[in-house]
Structure formats: C-alpha cells, structure tokens
C-alpha cells in the first residue's frame, strides 16, 4: 500500500472501513474450473466429464437402464448450470 491509501483508510471511521471492506467480498467471481470445451455444450469441468462418463459406462454394461441414465444425466446437467 502506498502512503495515500493508508492515510485515506485511517481517516475513515471503523464502521466506514468495515462497510468498504465488506463491499469487496459481496461480488462473486465466476472462474471456470479445469475442464474441456465441447462444441455444443461449452465448457465442462473434468469432474462432470468423469461423472457423465461413469454414468454412460453404467448404462452401457446394463447396471442402469437407459431412461434412468438419460434422466440422471439431464438432471445433473441442469443442476450444474443453475
């Protein structure tokens, strides 16, 4: 910090400083996690890819019926968006 910033901070009352400091934490940064960019879907995180791949394998080997696989996959994708 430079001297001007320190002086301005000290001139404010503790309540003003607290309100100002809290304002920086109110906004959220949207950072895309590590993943892959798919042409139609967009950016998909690795853990989502792993879950959906596992779901597909379970459907392929018959552990889960395909309508259930589709419903779970669509529900998961919708939940991750919102």
N, C-alpha and C. Protein backbone atom coordinates (compact mmCIF):
# COMPACT_ATOMS: atom_id res chain seq x y z
N UNK A 1 0.83 -1.18 0.00
CA UNK A 1 0.00 0.00 0.00
C UNK A 1 0.87 1.24 0.00
N UNK A 2 0.44 2.25 -0.68
CA UNK A 2 1.20 3.49 -0.64
C UNK A 2 0.69 4.37 0.51
N UNK A 3 1.38 5.46 0.75
CA UNK A 3 1.07 6.32 1.90
C UNK A 3 -0.32 6.94 1.76
N UNK A 4 -0.73 7.30 0.55
CA UNK A 4 -2.04 7.92 0.35
C UNK A 4 -3.16 6.94 0.71
N UNK A 5 -3.03 5.70 0.31
CA UNK A 5 -4.05 4.70 0.62
C UNK A 5 -4.14 4.47 2.11
N UNK A 6 -3.01 4.40 2.78
CA UNK A 6 -3.03 4.19 4.23
C UNK A 6 -3.67 5.38 4.93
N UNK A 7 -3.38 6.59 4.47
CA UNK A 7 -3.94 7.79 5.09
C UNK A 7 -5.45 7.83 4.89
N UNK A 8 -5.93 7.54 3.67
CA UNK A 8 -7.36 7.54 3.41
C UNK A 8 -8.08 6.50 4.25
N UNK A 9 -7.47 5.36 4.43
CA UNK A 9 -8.09 4.31 5.22
C UNK A 9 -8.17 4.71 6.68
N UNK A 10 -7.14 5.35 7.19
CA UNK A 10 -7.12 5.74 8.60
C UNK A 10 -8.11 6.87 8.89
N UNK A 11 -8.42 7.70 7.89
CA UNK A 11 -9.33 8.82 8.10
C UNK A 11 -10.77 8.35 8.25
N UNK A 12 -11.10 7.19 7.68
CA UNK A 12 -12.46 6.69 7.77
C UNK A 12 -12.73 6.13 9.16
N UNK A 13 -14.00 6.19 9.56
CA UNK A 13 -14.37 5.60 10.83
C UNK A 13 -14.33 4.08 10.71
N UNK A 14 -14.26 3.37 11.81
CA UNK A 14 -14.24 1.91 11.75
C UNK A 14 -15.46 1.34 11.03
N UNK A 15 -16.62 1.97 11.20
CA UNK A 15 -17.83 1.49 10.53
C UNK A 15 -17.71 1.66 9.02
N UNK A 16 -17.16 2.81 8.59
CA UNK A 16 -16.98 3.04 7.16
C UNK A 16 -15.98 2.06 6.56
N UNK A 17 -14.90 1.81 7.31
CA UNK A 17 -13.90 0.85 6.82
C UNK A 17 -14.51 -0.54 6.70
N UNK A 18 -15.32 -0.94 7.67
CA UNK A 18 -15.94 -2.26 7.64
C UNK A 18 -16.91 -2.37 6.47
N UNK A 19 -17.68 -1.31 6.23
CA UNK A 19 -18.62 -1.32 5.11
C UNK A 19 -17.87 -1.40 3.79
N UNK A 20 -16.78 -0.66 3.69
CA UNK A 20 -15.98 -0.66 2.47
C UNK A 20 -15.31 -2.01 2.25
N UNK A 21 -14.73 -2.58 3.30
CA UNK A 21 -14.07 -3.87 3.19
C UNK A 21 -15.06 -4.96 2.81
N UNK A 22 -16.26 -4.92 3.38
CA UNK A 22 -17.26 -5.93 3.07
C UNK A 22 -17.75 -5.83 1.64
N UNK A 23 -17.70 -4.63 1.05
CA UNK A 23 -18.18 -4.45 -0.32
C UNK A 23 -17.34 -5.25 -1.30
N UNK A 24 -16.08 -5.44 -1.00
CA UNK A 24 -15.22 -6.19 -1.91
C UNK A 24 -15.55 -7.68 -1.90
N UNK A 25 -16.16 -8.16 -0.83
CA UNK A 25 -16.44 -9.58 -0.72
C UNK A 25 -17.86 -9.93 -1.16
N UNK A 26 -18.68 -8.94 -1.50
CA UNK A 26 -20.06 -9.21 -1.88
C UNK A 26 -20.17 -9.80 -3.28
N UNK A 27 -19.31 -9.39 -4.18
CA UNK A 27 -19.42 -9.89 -5.54
C UNK A 27 -18.70 -11.22 -5.67
N UNK A 28 -19.19 -12.02 -6.58
CA UNK A 28 -18.60 -13.34 -6.78
C UNK A 28 -17.90 -13.35 -8.13
N UNK A 29 -16.77 -13.99 -8.16
CA UNK A 29 -16.06 -14.16 -9.41
C UNK A 29 -16.42 -15.51 -9.98
N UNK A 30 -16.74 -15.54 -11.25
CA UNK A 30 -17.01 -16.81 -11.88
C UNK A 30 -15.75 -17.25 -12.60
N UNK A 31 -15.14 -18.26 -12.06
CA UNK A 31 -13.95 -18.83 -12.66
C UNK A 31 -14.29 -20.20 -13.18
N UNK A 32 -13.99 -20.42 -14.42
CA UNK A 32 -14.21 -21.75 -14.97
C UNK A 32 -13.16 -22.69 -14.43
N UNK A 33 -13.59 -23.83 -13.92
CA UNK A 33 -12.66 -24.82 -13.41
C UNK A 33 -11.95 -25.51 -14.56
N UNK A 34 -10.98 -26.31 -14.21
CA UNK A 34 -10.24 -27.06 -15.23
C UNK A 34 -11.20 -28.03 -15.91
N UNK A 35 -11.13 -28.07 -17.20
CA UNK A 35 -12.03 -28.96 -17.93
C UNK A 35 -11.77 -28.90 -19.42
N UNK A 36 -12.78 -29.26 -20.17
CA UNK A 36 -12.68 -29.28 -21.63
C UNK A 36 -13.78 -28.42 -22.22
N UNK A 37 -13.51 -27.85 -23.37
CA UNK A 37 -14.51 -27.07 -24.10
C UNK A 37 -15.08 -27.94 -25.20
N UNK A 38 -16.38 -28.22 -25.10
CA UNK A 38 -17.05 -29.04 -26.09
C UNK A 38 -17.82 -28.14 -27.05
N UNK A 39 -17.91 -28.51 -28.33
CA UNK A 39 -18.52 -27.63 -29.33
C UNK A 39 -19.96 -27.21 -29.03
N UNK A 40 -20.82 -28.12 -28.68
CA UNK A 40 -22.23 -27.79 -28.49
C UNK A 40 -22.53 -27.43 -27.04
N UNK A 41 -21.93 -28.13 -26.12
CA UNK A 41 -22.22 -27.97 -24.69
C UNK A 41 -21.51 -26.76 -24.09
N UNK A 42 -20.29 -26.50 -24.51
CA UNK A 42 -19.49 -25.43 -23.93
C UNK A 42 -18.45 -26.00 -22.98
N UNK A 43 -18.08 -25.25 -21.96
CA UNK A 43 -17.05 -25.67 -21.03
C UNK A 43 -17.63 -26.67 -20.03
N UNK A 44 -16.96 -27.81 -19.87
CA UNK A 44 -17.39 -28.84 -18.93
C UNK A 44 -16.19 -29.18 -18.04
N UNK A 45 -16.39 -29.14 -16.72
CA UNK A 45 -15.31 -29.46 -15.80
C UNK A 45 -14.99 -30.94 -15.85
N UNK A 46 -13.76 -31.28 -15.48
CA UNK A 46 -13.31 -32.67 -15.52
C UNK A 46 -14.16 -33.58 -14.64
N UNK A 47 -14.55 -33.10 -13.46
CA UNK A 47 -15.33 -33.99 -12.59
C UNK A 47 -16.72 -34.26 -13.19
N UNK A 48 -17.28 -33.30 -13.93
CA UNK A 48 -18.54 -33.54 -14.61
C UNK A 48 -18.36 -34.54 -15.74
N UNK A 49 -17.26 -34.41 -16.46
CA UNK A 49 -16.97 -35.35 -17.54
C UNK A 49 -16.82 -36.76 -16.97
N UNK A 50 -16.13 -36.87 -15.85
CA UNK A 50 -15.93 -38.17 -15.22
C UNK A 50 -17.26 -38.77 -14.75
N UNK A 51 -18.12 -37.95 -14.16
CA UNK A 51 -19.41 -38.44 -13.70
C UNK A 51 -20.26 -38.91 -14.87
N UNK A 52 -20.33 -38.10 -15.92
CA UNK A 52 -21.14 -38.46 -17.08
C UNK A 52 -20.57 -39.67 -17.81
N UNK A 53 -19.25 -39.80 -17.86
CA UNK A 53 -18.63 -40.98 -18.47
C UNK A 53 -18.96 -42.23 -17.66
N UNK A 54 -18.89 -42.12 -16.34
CA UNK A 54 -19.25 -43.25 -15.48
C UNK A 54 -20.71 -43.62 -15.63
N UNK A 55 -21.55 -42.63 -15.76
CA UNK A 55 -22.97 -42.87 -15.97
C UNK A 55 -23.20 -43.58 -17.30
N UNK A 56 -22.47 -43.16 -18.33
CA UNK A 56 -22.58 -43.81 -19.63
C UNK A 56 -22.09 -45.25 -19.60
N UNK A 57 -21.00 -45.50 -18.88
CA UNK A 57 -20.49 -46.87 -18.74
C UNK A 57 -21.51 -47.73 -18.00
N UNK A 58 -22.11 -47.20 -16.94
CA UNK A 58 -23.11 -47.96 -16.20
C UNK A 58 -24.31 -48.30 -17.08
N UNK A 59 -24.70 -47.38 -17.95
CA UNK A 59 -25.79 -47.65 -18.89
C UNK A 59 -25.39 -48.67 -19.95
N UNK A 60 -24.16 -48.59 -20.41
CA UNK A 60 -23.68 -49.50 -21.45
C UNK A 60 -23.60 -50.94 -20.95
N UNK A 61 -23.11 -51.13 -19.75
CA UNK A 61 -22.98 -52.50 -19.23
C UNK A 61 -24.30 -53.03 -18.66
N UNK A 62 -25.31 -52.20 -18.59
CA UNK A 62 -26.63 -52.65 -18.15
C UNK A 62 -26.87 -52.53 -16.66
N UNK A 63 -25.98 -51.89 -15.93
CA UNK A 63 -26.18 -51.71 -14.50
C UNK A 63 -27.34 -50.76 -14.22
N UNK A 64 -27.56 -49.81 -15.13
CA UNK A 64 -28.65 -48.84 -15.03
C UNK A 64 -29.36 -48.81 -16.39
N UNK A 65 -30.68 -48.76 -16.37
CA UNK A 65 -31.45 -48.69 -17.62
C UNK A 65 -31.24 -47.33 -18.30
N UNK A 66 -31.30 -47.31 -19.63
CA UNK A 66 -31.02 -46.09 -20.39
C UNK A 66 -31.95 -44.93 -20.08
N UNK A 67 -33.26 -45.15 -19.86
CA UNK A 67 -34.09 -43.99 -19.48
C UNK A 67 -33.64 -43.34 -18.17
N UNK A 68 -33.17 -44.17 -17.24
CA UNK A 68 -32.68 -43.64 -15.96
C UNK A 68 -31.37 -42.88 -16.18
N UNK A 69 -30.50 -43.45 -17.02
CA UNK A 69 -29.24 -42.78 -17.36
C UNK A 69 -29.52 -41.41 -17.97
N UNK A 70 -30.46 -41.36 -18.90
CA UNK A 70 -30.80 -40.09 -19.56
C UNK A 70 -31.37 -39.09 -18.55
N UNK A 71 -32.27 -39.55 -17.69
CA UNK A 71 -32.89 -38.66 -16.71
C UNK A 71 -31.85 -38.11 -15.73
N UNK A 72 -30.98 -38.98 -15.25
CA UNK A 72 -29.95 -38.54 -14.29
C UNK A 72 -28.96 -37.59 -14.98
N UNK A 73 -28.56 -37.91 -16.20
CA UNK A 73 -27.63 -37.06 -16.94
C UNK A 73 -28.19 -35.68 -17.21
N UNK A 74 -29.44 -35.64 -17.64
CA UNK A 74 -30.09 -34.35 -17.91
C UNK A 74 -30.28 -33.56 -16.62
N UNK A 75 -30.71 -34.25 -15.56
CA UNK A 75 -30.88 -33.58 -14.27
C UNK A 75 -29.58 -33.03 -13.74
N UNK A 76 -28.51 -33.79 -13.88
CA UNK A 76 -27.18 -33.35 -13.43
C UNK A 76 -26.73 -32.12 -14.22
N UNK A 77 -26.91 -32.18 -15.54
CA UNK A 77 -26.50 -31.04 -16.38
C UNK A 77 -27.29 -29.78 -16.04
N UNK A 78 -28.57 -29.93 -15.81
CA UNK A 78 -29.39 -28.76 -15.45
C UNK A 78 -29.01 -28.21 -14.08
N UNK A 79 -28.73 -29.10 -13.14
CA UNK A 79 -28.34 -28.65 -11.80
C UNK A 79 -26.99 -27.94 -11.83
N UNK A 80 -26.06 -28.36 -12.64
CA UNK A 80 -24.74 -27.73 -12.73
C UNK A 80 -24.82 -26.35 -13.38
N UNK A 81 -25.79 -26.14 -14.25
CA UNK A 81 -25.94 -24.84 -14.91
C UNK A 81 -26.41 -23.76 -13.94
N UNK A 82 -27.37 -24.10 -13.11
CA UNK A 82 -28.00 -23.09 -12.25
C UNK A 82 -27.31 -22.96 -10.97
